[in-house]
Amino acid sequence: VSSSERSLLFDSLRKGLRTQVGQKNFIANGLIRSLPYETFLRNHFHSMKLPEELLALPFLESSFNPEAESKVSALGAWQFMPFTSSFYVPRRTSQYDYRMNVGIASLAAAFLMFENIRILK
């Protein structure tokens, strides 16, 4: 891809970018929550040859909040839906839902993305 094609692509993406105001604390708290996992996640994604940029997803989905829950039952930092998580996350129990465990959910997300990349080439 030439640099001019790349510039055009990023210009078009920039024009479609949405922002929200008043999110400073939400983002700051997400950064703080992510710190204990940063080295582990970067190393794990690198070992699986996954783009490091994918680590932005839990910020976009939940601001790295392991207790985030959507109206449609997506749960945890990675916002796994119950059906999808049934393939990648250990079985939920009446006491605990592993989608709320950042480490386990991150491993599951990495395997899900690795599989999707492999399938979609």
PDB file of N, CA and C in Angstrom:
ATOM      1  N   VAL A   1       0.859  -1.173   0.000  1.00  0.00           N
ATOM      2  CA  VAL A   1       0.000   0.000   0.000  1.00  0.00           C
ATOM      3  C   VAL A   1       0.902   1.231   0.000  1.00  0.00           C
ATOM      4  N   SER A   2       0.640   2.139  -0.924  1.00  0.00           N
ATOM      5  CA  SER A   2       1.459   3.349  -1.012  1.00  0.00           C
ATOM      6  C   SER A   2       1.111   4.306   0.121  1.00  0.00           C
ATOM      7  N   SER A   3       2.006   5.245   0.368  1.00  0.00           N
ATOM      8  CA  SER A   3       1.760   6.202   1.452  1.00  0.00           C
ATOM      9  C   SER A   3       0.577   7.112   1.127  1.00  0.00           C
ATOM     10  N   SER A   4       0.369   7.432  -0.166  1.00  0.00           N
ATOM     11  CA  SER A   4      -0.786   8.269  -0.504  1.00  0.00           C
ATOM     12  C   SER A   4      -2.094   7.515  -0.301  1.00  0.00           C
ATOM     13  N   GLU A   5      -2.101   6.200  -0.620  1.00  0.00           N
ATOM     14  CA  GLU A   5      -3.301   5.390  -0.376  1.00  0.00           C
ATOM     15  C   GLU A   5      -3.573   5.295   1.122  1.00  0.00           C
ATOM     16  N   ARG A   6      -2.506   5.135   1.871  1.00  0.00           N
ATOM     17  CA  ARG A   6      -2.630   5.050   3.326  1.00  0.00           C
ATOM     18  C   ARG A   6      -3.158   6.372   3.900  1.00  0.00           C
ATOM     19  N   SER A   7      -2.652   7.490   3.391  1.00  0.00           N
ATOM     20  CA  SER A   7      -3.125   8.808   3.844  1.00  0.00           C
ATOM     21  C   SER A   7      -4.603   8.984   3.547  1.00  0.00           C
ATOM     22  N   LEU A   8      -5.024   8.563   2.354  1.00  0.00           N
ATOM     23  CA  LEU A   8      -6.446   8.666   1.997  1.00  0.00           C
ATOM     24  C   LEU A   8      -7.298   7.819   2.925  1.00  0.00           C
ATOM     25  N   LEU A   9      -6.818   6.608   3.221  1.00  0.00           N
ATOM     26  CA  LEU A   9      -7.552   5.727   4.130  1.00  0.00           C
ATOM     27  C   LEU A   9      -7.711   6.371   5.497  1.00  0.00           C
ATOM     28  N   PHE A  10      -6.620   6.884   6.058  1.00  0.00           N
ATOM     29  CA  PHE A  10      -6.691   7.477   7.386  1.00  0.00           C
ATOM     30  C   PHE A  10      -7.511   8.764   7.387  1.00  0.00           C
ATOM     31  N   ASP A  11      -7.481   9.517   6.301  1.00  0.00           N
ATOM     32  CA  ASP A  11      -8.341  10.702   6.198  1.00  0.00           C
ATOM     33  C   ASP A  11      -9.811  10.310   6.232  1.00  0.00           C
ATOM     34  N   SER A  12     -10.168   9.252   5.502  1.00  0.00           N
ATOM     35  CA  SER A  12     -11.571   8.813   5.503  1.00  0.00           C
ATOM     36  C   SER A  12     -11.980   8.279   6.869  1.00  0.00           C
ATOM     37  N   LEU A  13     -11.066   7.567   7.531  1.00  0.00           N
ATOM     38  CA  LEU A  13     -11.371   7.071   8.877  1.00  0.00           C
ATOM     39  C   LEU A  13     -11.530   8.221   9.861  1.00  0.00           C
ATOM     40  N   ARG A  14     -10.681   9.236   9.747  1.00  0.00           N
ATOM     41  CA  ARG A  14     -10.732  10.387  10.640  1.00  0.00           C
ATOM     42  C   ARG A  14     -12.067  11.101  10.519  1.00  0.00           C
ATOM     43  N   LYS A  15     -12.583  11.212   9.313  1.00  0.00           N
ATOM     44  CA  LYS A  15     -13.854  11.904   9.095  1.00  0.00           C
ATOM     45  C   LYS A  15     -15.026  11.159   9.732  1.00  0.00           C
ATOM     46  N   GLY A  16     -14.910   9.842   9.880  1.00  0.00           N
ATOM     47  CA  GLY A  16     -15.979   9.051  10.476  1.00  0.00           C
ATOM     48  C   GLY A  16     -15.818   8.827  11.963  1.00  0.00           C
ATOM     49  N   LEU A  17     -14.796   9.418  12.562  1.00  0.00           N
ATOM     50  CA  LEU A  17     -14.506   9.217  13.973  1.00  0.00           C
ATOM     51  C   LEU A  17     -15.513   9.965  14.839  1.00  0.00           C
ATOM     52  N   ARG A  18     -16.057   9.261  15.844  1.00  0.00           N
ATOM     53  CA  ARG A  18     -16.961   9.877  16.806  1.00  0.00           C
ATOM     54  C   ARG A  18     -16.227  10.042  18.121  1.00  0.00           C
ATOM     55  N   THR A  19     -16.550  11.070  18.861  1.00  0.00           N
ATOM     56  CA  THR A  19     -15.942  11.279  20.165  1.00  0.00           C
ATOM     57  C   THR A  19     -17.025  11.587  21.185  1.00  0.00           C
ATOM     58  N   GLN A  20     -16.655  11.428  22.445  1.00  0.00           N
ATOM     59  CA  GLN A  20     -17.547  11.785  23.541  1.00  0.00           C
ATOM     60  C   GLN A  20     -16.769  12.682  24.484  1.00  0.00           C
ATOM     61  N   VAL A  21     -17.432  13.628  25.059  1.00  0.00           N
ATOM     62  CA  VAL A  21     -16.788  14.486  26.044  1.00  0.00           C
ATOM     63  C   VAL A  21     -17.175  14.004  27.436  1.00  0.00           C
ATOM     64  N   GLY A  22     -16.393  14.405  28.409  1.00  0.00           N
ATOM     65  CA  GLY A  22     -16.701  14.040  29.782  1.00  0.00           C
ATOM     66  C   GLY A  22     -16.277  12.623  30.143  1.00  0.00           C
ATOM     67  N   GLN A  23     -15.385  12.055  29.381  1.00  0.00           N
ATOM     68  CA  GLN A  23     -14.963  10.676  29.618  1.00  0.00           C
ATOM     69  C   GLN A  23     -13.569  10.577  30.238  1.00  0.00           C
ATOM     70  N   LYS A  24     -12.975  11.716  30.638  1.00  0.00           N
ATOM     71  CA  LYS A  24     -11.595  11.739  31.131  1.00  0.00           C
ATOM     72  C   LYS A  24     -11.368  10.738  32.271  1.00  0.00           C
ATOM     73  N   ASN A  25     -12.208  10.765  33.296  1.00  0.00           N
ATOM     74  CA  ASN A  25     -12.039   9.863  34.439  1.00  0.00           C
ATOM     75  C   ASN A  25     -12.288   8.413  34.049  1.00  0.00           C
ATOM     76  N   PHE A  26     -13.260   8.197  33.178  1.00  0.00           N
ATOM     77  CA  PHE A  26     -13.574   6.847  32.703  1.00  0.00           C
ATOM     78  C   PHE A  26     -12.349   6.235  32.019  1.00  0.00           C
ATOM     79  N   ILE A  27     -11.703   7.002  31.159  1.00  0.00           N
ATOM     80  CA  ILE A  27     -10.510   6.534  30.449  1.00  0.00           C
ATOM     81  C   ILE A  27      -9.337   6.375  31.410  1.00  0.00           C
ATOM     82  N   ALA A  28      -9.136   7.348  32.288  1.00  0.00           N
ATOM     83  CA  ALA A  28      -8.037   7.276  33.250  1.00  0.00           C
ATOM     84  C   ALA A  28      -8.168   6.035  34.129  1.00  0.00           C
ATOM     85  N   ASN A  29      -9.383   5.756  34.596  1.00  0.00           N
ATOM     86  CA  ASN A  29      -9.598   4.564  35.426  1.00  0.00           C
ATOM     87  C   ASN A  29      -9.330   3.289  34.637  1.00  0.00           C
ATOM     88  N   GLY A  30      -9.702   3.279  33.364  1.00  0.00           N
ATOM     89  CA  GLY A  30      -9.420   2.122  32.517  1.00  0.00           C
ATOM     90  C   GLY A  30      -7.932   1.887  32.363  1.00  0.00           C
ATOM     91  N   LEU A  31      -7.177   2.949  32.187  1.00  0.00           N
ATOM     92  CA  LEU A  31      -5.721   2.815  32.078  1.00  0.00           C
ATOM     93  C   LEU A  31      -5.127   2.249  33.361  1.00  0.00           C
ATOM     94  N   ILE A  32      -5.605   2.734  34.485  1.00  0.00           N
ATOM     95  CA  ILE A  32      -5.116   2.232  35.774  1.00  0.00           C
ATOM     96  C   ILE A  32      -5.470   0.755  35.946  1.00  0.00           C
ATOM     97  N   ARG A  33      -6.709   0.383  35.590  1.00  0.00           N
ATOM     98  CA  ARG A  33      -7.130  -1.022  35.720  1.00  0.00           C
ATOM     99  C   ARG A  33      -6.309  -1.942  34.814  1.00  0.00           C
ATOM    100  N   SER A  34      -5.855  -1.426  33.681  1.00  0.00           N
ATOM    101  CA  SER A  34      -5.132  -2.271  32.714  1.00  0.00           C
ATOM    102  C   SER A  34      -3.676  -2.524  33.101  1.00  0.00           C
ATOM    103  N   LEU A  35      -3.102  -1.663  33.930  1.00  0.00           N
ATOM    104  CA  LEU A  35      -1.666  -1.747  34.221  1.00  0.00           C
ATOM    105  C   LEU A  35      -1.191  -3.116  34.720  1.00  0.00           C
ATOM    106  N   PRO A  36      -1.896  -3.768  35.642  1.00  0.00           N
ATOM    107  CA  PRO A  36      -1.396  -5.070  36.109  1.00  0.00           C
ATOM    108  C   PRO A  36      -1.343  -6.141  35.007  1.00  0.00           C
ATOM    109  N   TYR A  37      -2.091  -5.949  33.936  1.00  0.00           N
ATOM    110  CA  TYR A  37      -2.189  -6.951  32.885  1.00  0.00           C
ATOM    111  C   TYR A  37      -1.344  -6.612  31.654  1.00  0.00           C
ATOM    112  N   GLU A  38      -0.819  -5.405  31.589  1.00  0.00           N
ATOM    113  CA  GLU A  38      -0.194  -4.894  30.369  1.00  0.00           C
ATOM    114  C   GLU A  38       0.921  -5.790  29.839  1.00  0.00           C
ATOM    115  N   THR A  39       1.891  -6.124  30.648  1.00  0.00           N
ATOM    116  CA  THR A  39       3.021  -6.934  30.178  1.00  0.00           C
ATOM    117  C   THR A  39       2.560  -8.320  29.758  1.00  0.00           C
ATOM    118  N   PHE A  40       1.732  -8.937  30.581  1.00  0.00           N
ATOM    119  CA  PHE A  40       1.218 -10.268  30.258  1.00  0.00           C
ATOM    120  C   PHE A  40       0.477 -10.259  28.926  1.00  0.00           C
ATOM    121  N   LEU A  41      -0.428  -9.295  28.744  1.00  0.00           N
ATOM    122  CA  LEU A  41      -1.226  -9.256  27.515  1.00  0.00           C
ATOM    123  C   LEU A  41      -0.366  -8.969  26.287  1.00  0.00           C
ATOM    124  N   ARG A  42       0.545  -8.025  26.401  1.00  0.00           N
ATOM    125  CA  ARG A  42       1.425  -7.733  25.262  1.00  0.00           C
ATOM    126  C   ARG A  42       2.244  -8.966  24.882  1.00  0.00           C
ATOM    127  N   ASN A  43       2.807  -9.636  25.876  1.00  0.00           N
ATOM    128  CA  ASN A  43       3.604 -10.843  25.602  1.00  0.00           C
ATOM    129  C   ASN A  43       2.752 -11.950  24.992  1.00  0.00           C
ATOM    130  N   HIS A  44       1.560 -12.138  25.540  1.00  0.00           N
ATOM    131  CA  HIS A  44       0.691 -13.206  25.037  1.00  0.00           C
ATOM    132  C   HIS A  44       0.231 -12.919  23.608  1.00  0.00           C
ATOM    133  N   PHE A  45      -0.177 -11.704  23.340  1.00  0.00           N
ATOM    134  CA  PHE A  45      -0.607 -11.355  21.980  1.00  0.00           C
ATOM    135  C   PHE A  45       0.572 -11.468  21.015  1.00  0.00           C
ATOM    136  N   HIS A  46       1.751 -11.055  21.463  1.00  0.00           N
ATOM    137  CA  HIS A  46       2.943 -11.173  20.616  1.00  0.00           C
ATOM    138  C   HIS A  46       3.243 -12.642  20.317  1.00  0.00           C
ATOM    139  N   SER A  47       3.146 -13.503  21.320  1.00  0.00           N
ATOM    140  CA  SER A  47       3.442 -14.931  21.116  1.00  0.00           C
ATOM    141  C   SER A  47       2.445 -15.586  20.162  1.00  0.00           C
ATOM    142  N   MET A  48       1.226 -15.038  20.101  1.00  0.00           N
ATOM    143  CA  MET A  48       0.217 -15.573  19.187  1.00  0.00           C
ATOM    144  C   MET A  48       0.220 -14.858  17.831  1.00  0.00           C
ATOM    145  N   LYS A  49       1.185 -13.929  17.681  1.00  0.00           N
ATOM    146  CA  LYS A  49       1.303 -13.138  16.442  1.00  0.00           C
ATOM    147  C   LYS A  49       0.021 -12.339  16.149  1.00  0.00           C
ATOM    148  N   LEU A  50      -0.587 -11.832  17.204  1.00  0.00           N
ATOM    149  CA  LEU A  50      -1.775 -10.984  17.073  1.00  0.00           C
ATOM    150  C   LEU A  50      -1.345  -9.527  17.112  1.00  0.00           C
ATOM    151  N   PRO A  51      -1.974  -8.677  16.317  1.00  0.00           N
ATOM    152  CA  PRO A  51      -1.624  -7.254  16.352  1.00  0.00           C
ATOM    153  C   PRO A  51      -1.872  -6.661  17.736  1.00  0.00           C
ATOM    154  N   GLU A  52      -0.893  -5.944  18.227  1.00  0.00           N
ATOM    155  CA  GLU A  52      -1.002  -5.334  19.552  1.00  0.00           C
ATOM    156  C   GLU A  52      -2.170  -4.351  19.631  1.00  0.00           C
ATOM    157  N   GLU A  53      -2.555  -3.801  18.498  1.00  0.00           N
ATOM    158  CA  GLU A  53      -3.667  -2.839  18.470  1.00  0.00           C
ATOM    159  C   GLU A  53      -4.974  -3.456  18.960  1.00  0.00           C
ATOM    160  N   LEU A  54      -5.084  -4.777  18.889  1.00  0.00           N
ATOM    161  CA  LEU A  54      -6.300  -5.440  19.371  1.00  0.00           C
ATOM    162  C   LEU A  54      -6.483  -5.270  20.879  1.00  0.00           C
ATOM    163  N   LEU A  55      -5.400  -4.926  21.568  1.00  0.00           N
ATOM    164  CA  LEU A  55      -5.505  -4.704  23.009  1.00  0.00           C
ATOM    165  C   LEU A  55      -6.294  -3.438  23.338  1.00  0.00           C
ATOM    166  N   ALA A  56      -6.635  -2.657  22.333  1.00  0.00           N
ATOM    167  CA  ALA A  56      -7.482  -1.477  22.551  1.00  0.00           C
ATOM    168  C   ALA A  56      -8.943  -1.874  22.747  1.00  0.00           C
ATOM    169  N   LEU A  57      -9.317  -3.071  22.339  1.00  0.00           N
ATOM    170  CA  LEU A  57     -10.729  -3.482  22.406  1.00  0.00           C
ATOM    171  C   LEU A  57     -11.328  -3.411  23.812  1.00  0.00           C
ATOM    172  N   PRO A  58     -10.655  -3.912  24.854  1.00  0.00           N
ATOM    173  CA  PRO A  58     -11.296  -3.807  26.171  1.00  0.00           C
ATOM    174  C   PRO A  58     -11.456  -2.365  26.657  1.00  0.00           C
ATOM    175  N   PHE A  59     -10.651  -1.445  26.123  1.00  0.00           N
ATOM    176  CA  PHE A  59     -10.852  -0.029  26.464  1.00  0.00           C
ATOM    177  C   PHE A  59     -12.117   0.487  25.791  1.00  0.00           C
ATOM    178  N   LEU A  60     -12.290   0.108  24.535  1.00  0.00           N
ATOM    179  CA  LEU A  60     -13.470   0.554  23.795  1.00  0.00           C
ATOM    180  C   LEU A  60     -14.741  -0.086  24.334  1.00  0.00           C
ATOM    181  N   GLU A  61     -14.648  -1.343  24.706  1.00  0.00           N
ATOM    182  CA  GLU A  61     -15.829  -2.081  25.156  1.00  0.00           C
ATOM    183  C   GLU A  61     -16.255  -1.713  26.574  1.00  0.00           C
ATOM    184  N   SER A  62     -15.273  -1.556  27.476  1.00  0.00           N
ATOM    185  CA  SER A  62     -15.643  -1.442  28.889  1.00  0.00           C
ATOM    186  C   SER A  62     -14.742  -0.537  29.705  1.00  0.00           C
ATOM    187  N   SER A  63     -13.780   0.115  29.074  1.00  0.00           N
ATOM    188  CA  SER A  63     -12.739   0.848  29.787  1.00  0.00           C
ATOM    189  C   SER A  63     -12.037  -0.074  30.786  1.00  0.00           C
ATOM    190  N   PHE A  64     -11.833  -1.304  30.325  1.00  0.00           N
ATOM    191  CA  PHE A  64     -11.126  -2.343  31.090  1.00  0.00           C
ATOM    192  C   PHE A  64     -11.803  -2.652  32.425  1.00  0.00           C
ATOM    193  N   ASN A  65     -13.104  -2.527  32.460  1.00  0.00           N
ATOM    194  CA  ASN A  65     -13.862  -2.797  33.685  1.00  0.00           C
ATOM    195  C   ASN A  65     -14.300  -4.266  33.687  1.00  0.00           C
ATOM    196  N   PRO A  66     -13.754  -5.086  34.585  1.00  0.00           N
ATOM    197  CA  PRO A  66     -14.121  -6.506  34.601  1.00  0.00           C
ATOM    198  C   PRO A  66     -15.566  -6.756  35.014  1.00  0.00           C
ATOM    199  N   GLU A  67     -16.223  -5.761  35.601  1.00  0.00           N
ATOM    200  CA  GLU A  67     -17.606  -5.929  36.036  1.00  0.00           C
ATOM    201  C   GLU A  67     -18.615  -5.260  35.092  1.00  0.00           C
ATOM    202  N   ALA A  68     -18.137  -4.760  33.957  1.00  0.00           N
ATOM    203  CA  ALA A  68     -19.033  -4.096  33.007  1.00  0.00           C
ATOM    204  C   ALA A  68     -20.039  -5.097  32.457  1.00  0.00           C
ATOM    205  N   GLU A  69     -21.293  -4.670  32.400  1.00  0.00           N
ATOM    206  CA  GLU A  69     -22.353  -5.531  31.872  1.00  0.00           C
ATOM    207  C   GLU A  69     -23.243  -4.704  30.958  1.00  0.00           C
ATOM    208  N   SER A  70     -23.504  -5.233  29.777  1.00  0.00           N
ATOM    209  CA  SER A  70     -24.339  -4.517  28.812  1.00  0.00           C
ATOM    210  C   SER A  70     -25.804  -4.915  28.982  1.00  0.00           C
ATOM    211  N   LYS A  71     -26.671  -4.177  28.286  1.00  0.00           N
ATOM    212  CA  LYS A  71     -28.107  -4.472  28.311  1.00  0.00           C
ATOM    213  C   LYS A  71     -28.408  -5.825  27.677  1.00  0.00           C
ATOM    214  N   VAL A  72     -27.496  -6.322  26.821  1.00  0.00           N
ATOM    215  CA  VAL A  72     -27.748  -7.574  26.098  1.00  0.00           C
ATOM    216  C   VAL A  72     -26.908  -8.732  26.657  1.00  0.00           C
ATOM    217  N   SER A  73     -26.456  -8.602  27.916  1.00  0.00           N
ATOM    218  CA  SER A  73     -25.757  -9.657  28.657  1.00  0.00           C
ATOM    219  C   SER A  73     -24.298  -9.860  28.292  1.00  0.00           C
ATOM    220  N   ALA A  74     -23.696  -8.927  27.559  1.00  0.00           N
ATOM    221  CA  ALA A  74     -22.249  -8.980  27.380  1.00  0.00           C
ATOM    222  C   ALA A  74     -21.636  -8.618  28.728  1.00  0.00           C
ATOM    223  N   LEU A  75     -20.524  -9.283  29.086  1.00  0.00           N
ATOM    224  CA  LEU A  75     -19.990  -9.117  30.428  1.00  0.00           C
ATOM    225  C   LEU A  75     -18.473  -9.066  30.415  1.00  0.00           C
ATOM    226  N   GLY A  76     -17.925  -8.268  31.325  1.00  0.00           N
ATOM    227  CA  GLY A  76     -16.492  -8.224  31.553  1.00  0.00           C
ATOM    228  C   GLY A  76     -15.770  -7.206  30.692  1.00  0.00           C
ATOM    229  N   ALA A  77     -14.452  -7.149  30.878  1.00  0.00           N
ATOM    230  CA  ALA A  77     -13.623  -6.180  30.160  1.00  0.00           C
ATOM    231  C   ALA A  77     -13.736  -6.354  28.651  1.00  0.00           C
ATOM    232  N   TRP A  78     -13.841  -7.612  28.195  1.00  0.00           N
ATOM    233  CA  TRP A  78     -13.894  -7.887  26.758  1.00  0.00           C
ATOM    234  C   TRP A  78     -15.319  -7.961  26.238  1.00  0.00           C
ATOM    235  N   GLN A  79     -16.302  -7.862  27.123  1.00  0.00           N
ATOM    236  CA  GLN A  79     -17.718  -7.864  26.753  1.00  0.00           C
ATOM    237  C   GLN A  79     -18.116  -9.109  25.955  1.00  0.00           C
ATOM    238  N   PHE A  80     -17.760 -10.268  26.484  1.00  0.00           N
ATOM    239  CA  PHE A  80     -18.154 -11.533  25.872  1.00  0.00           C
ATOM    240  C   PHE A  80     -19.646 -11.764  26.055  1.00  0.00           C
ATOM    241  N   MET A  81     -20.299 -12.166  24.974  1.00  0.00           N
ATOM    242  CA  MET A  81     -21.693 -12.582  25.038  1.00  0.00           C
ATOM    243  C   MET A  81     -21.729 -14.021  25.570  1.00  0.00           C
ATOM    244  N   PRO A  82     -22.827 -14.423  26.221  1.00  0.00           N
ATOM    245  CA  PRO A  82     -22.892 -15.775  26.797  1.00  0.00           C
ATOM    246  C   PRO A  82     -22.617 -16.889  25.779  1.00  0.00           C
ATOM    247  N   PHE A  83     -23.212 -16.822  24.596  1.00  0.00           N
ATOM    248  CA  PHE A  83     -23.024 -17.896  23.616  1.00  0.00           C
ATOM    249  C   PHE A  83     -21.575 -17.980  23.158  1.00  0.00           C
ATOM    250  N   THR A  84     -20.980 -16.853  22.809  1.00  0.00           N
ATOM    251  CA  THR A  84     -19.588 -16.856  22.355  1.00  0.00           C
ATOM    252  C   THR A  84     -18.661 -17.336  23.465  1.00  0.00           C
ATOM    253  N   SER A  85     -18.919 -16.888  24.676  1.00  0.00           N
ATOM    254  CA  SER A  85     -18.050 -17.289  25.783  1.00  0.00           C
ATOM    255  C   SER A  85     -18.146 -18.786  26.063  1.00  0.00           C
ATOM    256  N   SER A  86     -19.244 -19.419  25.685  1.00  0.00           N
ATOM    257  CA  SER A  86     -19.383 -20.860  25.940  1.00  0.00           C
ATOM    258  C   SER A  86     -18.342 -21.676  25.164  1.00  0.00           C
ATOM    259  N   PHE A  87     -17.749 -21.092  24.125  1.00  0.00           N
ATOM    260  CA  PHE A  87     -16.714 -21.781  23.348  1.00  0.00           C
ATOM    261  C   PHE A  87     -15.310 -21.497  23.850  1.00  0.00           C
ATOM    262  N   TYR A  88     -15.093 -20.378  24.553  1.00  0.00           N
ATOM    263  CA  TYR A  88     -13.740 -19.929  24.866  1.00  0.00           C
ATOM    264  C   TYR A  88     -13.447 -19.712  26.341  1.00  0.00           C
ATOM    265  N   VAL A  89     -14.473 -19.549  27.150  1.00  0.00           N
ATOM    266  CA  VAL A  89     -14.296 -19.231  28.563  1.00  0.00           C
ATOM    267  C   VAL A  89     -14.759 -20.438  29.373  1.00  0.00           C
ATOM    268  N   PRO A  90     -14.086 -20.752  30.502  1.00  0.00           N
ATOM    269  CA  PRO A  90     -14.580 -21.862  31.328  1.00  0.00           C
ATOM    270  C   PRO A  90     -16.049 -21.678  31.685  1.00  0.00           C
ATOM    271  N   ARG A  91     -16.701 -22.787  31.893  1.00  0.00           N
ATOM    272  CA  ARG A  91     -18.145 -22.783  32.185  1.00  0.00           C
ATOM    273  C   ARG A  91     -18.457 -21.915  33.396  1.00  0.00           C
ATOM    274  N   ARG A  92     -19.539 -21.147  33.269  1.00  0.00           N
ATOM    275  CA  ARG A  92     -20.004 -20.323  34.384  1.00  0.00           C
ATOM    276  C   ARG A  92     -20.560 -21.217  35.478  1.00  0.00           C
ATOM    277  N   THR A  93     -20.414 -20.767  36.692  1.00  0.00           N
ATOM    278  CA  THR A  93     -21.019 -21.482  37.815  1.00  0.00           C
ATOM    279  C   THR A  93     -22.058 -20.560  38.447  1.00  0.00           C
ATOM    280  N   SER A  94     -22.776 -21.082  39.400  1.00  0.00           N
ATOM    281  CA  SER A  94     -23.759 -20.223  40.074  1.00  0.00           C
ATOM    282  C   SER A  94     -23.049 -19.157  40.914  1.00  0.00           C
ATOM    283  N   GLN A  95     -21.781 -19.398  41.258  1.00  0.00           N
ATOM    284  CA  GLN A  95     -21.041 -18.428  42.061  1.00  0.00           C
ATOM    285  C   GLN A  95     -20.185 -17.468  41.236  1.00  0.00           C
ATOM    286  N   TYR A  96     -19.776 -17.860  40.026  1.00  0.00           N
ATOM    287  CA  TYR A  96     -18.809 -17.025  39.307  1.00  0.00           C
ATOM    288  C   TYR A  96     -18.955 -17.157  37.798  1.00  0.00           C
ATOM    289  N   ASP A  97     -18.799 -16.038  37.126  1.00  0.00           N
ATOM    290  CA  ASP A  97     -18.789 -15.996  35.671  1.00  0.00           C
ATOM    291  C   ASP A  97     -17.378 -15.572  35.248  1.00  0.00           C
ATOM    292  N   TYR A  98     -16.657 -16.466  34.592  1.00  0.00           N
ATOM    293  CA  TYR A  98     -15.257 -16.223  34.246  1.00  0.00           C
ATOM    294  C   TYR A  98     -15.061 -15.123  33.213  1.00  0.00           C
ATOM    295  N   ARG A  99     -16.143 -14.626  32.610  1.00  0.00           N
ATOM    296  CA  ARG A  99     -16.018 -13.477  31.717  1.00  0.00           C
ATOM    297  C   ARG A  99     -15.567 -12.248  32.499  1.00  0.00           C
ATOM    298  N   MET A 100     -15.774 -12.258  33.824  1.00  0.00           N
ATOM    299  CA  MET A 100     -15.379 -11.140  34.673  1.00  0.00           C
ATOM    300  C   MET A 100     -13.930 -11.239  35.143  1.00  0.00           C
ATOM    301  N   ASN A 101     -13.241 -12.313  34.798  1.00  0.00           N
ATOM    302  CA  ASN A 101     -11.832 -12.476  35.142  1.00  0.00           C
ATOM    303  C   ASN A 101     -11.010 -11.953  33.964  1.00  0.00           C
ATOM    304  N   VAL A 102     -10.300 -10.846  34.151  1.00  0.00           N
ATOM    305  CA  VAL A 102      -9.594 -10.210  33.048  1.00  0.00           C
ATOM    306  C   VAL A 102      -8.573 -11.144  32.421  1.00  0.00           C
ATOM    307  N   GLY A 103      -7.842 -11.894  33.218  1.00  0.00           N
ATOM    308  CA  GLY A 103      -6.833 -12.802  32.686  1.00  0.00           C
ATOM    309  C   GLY A 103      -7.440 -13.889  31.813  1.00  0.00           C
ATOM    310  N   ILE A 104      -8.433 -14.578  32.328  1.00  0.00           N
ATOM    311  CA  ILE A 104      -9.076 -15.661  31.582  1.00  0.00           C
ATOM    312  C   ILE A 104      -9.795 -15.117  30.353  1.00  0.00           C
ATOM    313  N   ALA A 105     -10.528 -14.021  30.515  1.00  0.00           N
ATOM    314  CA  ALA A 105     -11.249 -13.444  29.381  1.00  0.00           C
ATOM    315  C   ALA A 105     -10.279 -12.941  28.307  1.00  0.00           C
ATOM    316  N   SER A 106      -9.117 -12.436  28.720  1.00  0.00           N
ATOM    317  CA  SER A 106      -8.122 -11.967  27.754  1.00  0.00           C
ATOM    318  C   SER A 106      -7.538 -13.127  26.957  1.00  0.00           C
ATOM    319  N   LEU A 107      -7.260 -14.238  27.633  1.00  0.00           N
ATOM    320  CA  LEU A 107      -6.785 -15.424  26.912  1.00  0.00           C
ATOM    321  C   LEU A 107      -7.850 -15.908  25.934  1.00  0.00           C
ATOM    322  N   ALA A 108      -9.090 -15.917  26.396  1.00  0.00           N
ATOM    323  CA  ALA A 108     -10.195 -16.345  25.529  1.00  0.00           C
ATOM    324  C   ALA A 108     -10.334 -15.410  24.331  1.00  0.00           C
ATOM    325  N   ALA A 109     -10.226 -14.109  24.558  1.00  0.00           N
ATOM    326  CA  ALA A 109     -10.334 -13.135  23.464  1.00  0.00           C
ATOM    327  C   ALA A 109      -9.202 -13.336  22.462  1.00  0.00           C
ATOM    328  N   ALA A 110      -8.003 -13.608  22.961  1.00  0.00           N
ATOM    329  CA  ALA A 110      -6.865 -13.834  22.063  1.00  0.00           C
ATOM    330  C   ALA A 110      -7.113 -15.060  21.191  1.00  0.00           C
ATOM    331  N   PHE A 111      -7.593 -16.136  21.771  1.00  0.00           N
ATOM    332  CA  PHE A 111      -7.869 -17.342  20.978  1.00  0.00           C
ATOM    333  C   PHE A 111      -8.999 -17.114  19.979  1.00  0.00           C
ATOM    334  N   LEU A 112     -10.025 -16.380  20.391  1.00  0.00           N
ATOM    335  CA  LEU A 112     -11.122 -16.058  19.482  1.00  0.00           C
ATOM    336  C   LEU A 112     -10.615 -15.233  18.296  1.00  0.00           C
ATOM    337  N   MET A 113      -9.817 -14.203  18.575  1.00  0.00           N
ATOM    338  CA  MET A 113      -9.303 -13.362  17.488  1.00  0.00           C
ATOM    339  C   MET A 113      -8.317 -14.126  16.610  1.00  0.00           C
ATOM    340  N   PHE A 114      -7.480 -14.968  17.219  1.00  0.00           N
ATOM    341  CA  PHE A 114      -6.543 -15.788  16.451  1.00  0.00           C
ATOM    342  C   PHE A 114      -7.310 -16.695  15.490  1.00  0.00           C
ATOM    343  N   GLU A 115      -8.348 -17.319  16.001  1.00  0.00           N
ATOM    344  CA  GLU A 115      -9.166 -18.209  15.171  1.00  0.00           C
ATOM    345  C   GLU A 115      -9.858 -17.434  14.048  1.00  0.00           C
ATOM    346  N   ASN A 116     -10.397 -16.268  14.359  1.00  0.00           N
ATOM    347  CA  ASN A 116     -11.052 -15.457  13.327  1.00  0.00           C
ATOM    348  C   ASN A 116     -10.072 -15.022  12.246  1.00  0.00           C
ATOM    349  N   ILE A 117      -8.880 -14.607  12.647  1.00  0.00           N
ATOM    350  CA  ILE A 117      -7.864 -14.205  11.669  1.00  0.00           C
ATOM    351  C   ILE A 117      -7.476 -15.392  10.796  1.00  0.00           C
ATOM    352  N   ARG A 118      -7.311 -16.561  11.414  1.00  0.00           N
ATOM    353  CA  ARG A 118      -6.940 -17.757  10.656  1.00  0.00           C
ATOM    354  C   ARG A 118      -8.034 -18.128   9.658  1.00  0.00           C
ATOM    355  N   ILE A 119      -9.272 -18.052  10.068  1.00  0.00           N
ATOM    356  CA  ILE A 119     -10.390 -18.407   9.191  1.00  0.00           C
ATOM    357  C   ILE A 119     -10.555 -17.386   8.061  1.00  0.00           C
ATOM    358  N   LEU A 120     -10.471 -16.104   8.423  1.00  0.00           N
ATOM    359  CA  LEU A 120     -10.727 -15.055   7.436  1.00  0.00           C
ATOM    360  C   LEU A 120      -9.494 -14.702   6.596  1.00  0.00           C
ATOM    361  N   LYS A 121      -8.336 -15.168   7.026  1.00  0.00           N
ATOM    362  CA  LYS A 121      -7.061 -14.897   6.339  1.00  0.00           C
ATOM    363  C   LYS A 121      -6.864 -13.419   6.139  1.00  0.00           C
TER     364      LYS A 121
END
